[in-house]
Amino acid sequence: LFAFLTLRAERLWAAARYTRAEPTALQVQVTGEQFAWYFRYPGPDATFGITKPQLIDAGAGNPLGIDPNDSHGADDLITSELVLPSNRQVDLRLNALDVIHGFSVPEMRLKQNAVPGMTIHLHFTPKIPGTYAILCTQVCGLGHYRMNANLRVLPPEQFAAWLATKEKAVQP
């Protein structure tokens, strides 16, 4: 009985845990930095621009170090709130700039560490529109208590309108 349950559990775990996101999944880069979360959307060209650590300057409006000479980065959208459409799979690309941060959305039972120098994928499909808290679950320094953000799940048509508004603001 235990051998059967072990084999069955392994197959279910492998099927649920180690599958890749669908090719049509919305790609969003999530970056943790003491003490903020940044969310980057690839823009109309559906390609993220190149980032360089030496170009990081939050005060100048480039908190992720997007290379201004890369045409793919010109339309990238960076926000401090994660906005997603409901009923569409999302592939989050988690990384960190400085220390290990814990990306967590308790209401959706999502939790994954963001580690400097690594890109970790987390994919899921938000179902219910609403606003959810994003927390850091790793003690990342003295300002850890204020490292939070919001996840806003919108119906698809409202998400498209939000994205169009943001993309207009980014265009030169």
Foldseek 3Di string as FASTA:
>chain_A
DVVVVVVVVVVVCCVPPVDDDDPPAFEWEWEQEVAAIKIKGQAPVRDAADADPVQADVVVPRNGRGDPVTPSHLQMFIDRAAEEEAPGKHKYWAAYDPAKWWWDFVVVGDIDIHGHPGTDIDMDGHHDFDKTKIATPDCDDDRRVPRIHIYGYHHPVVVVVVSVVRSVVSHD
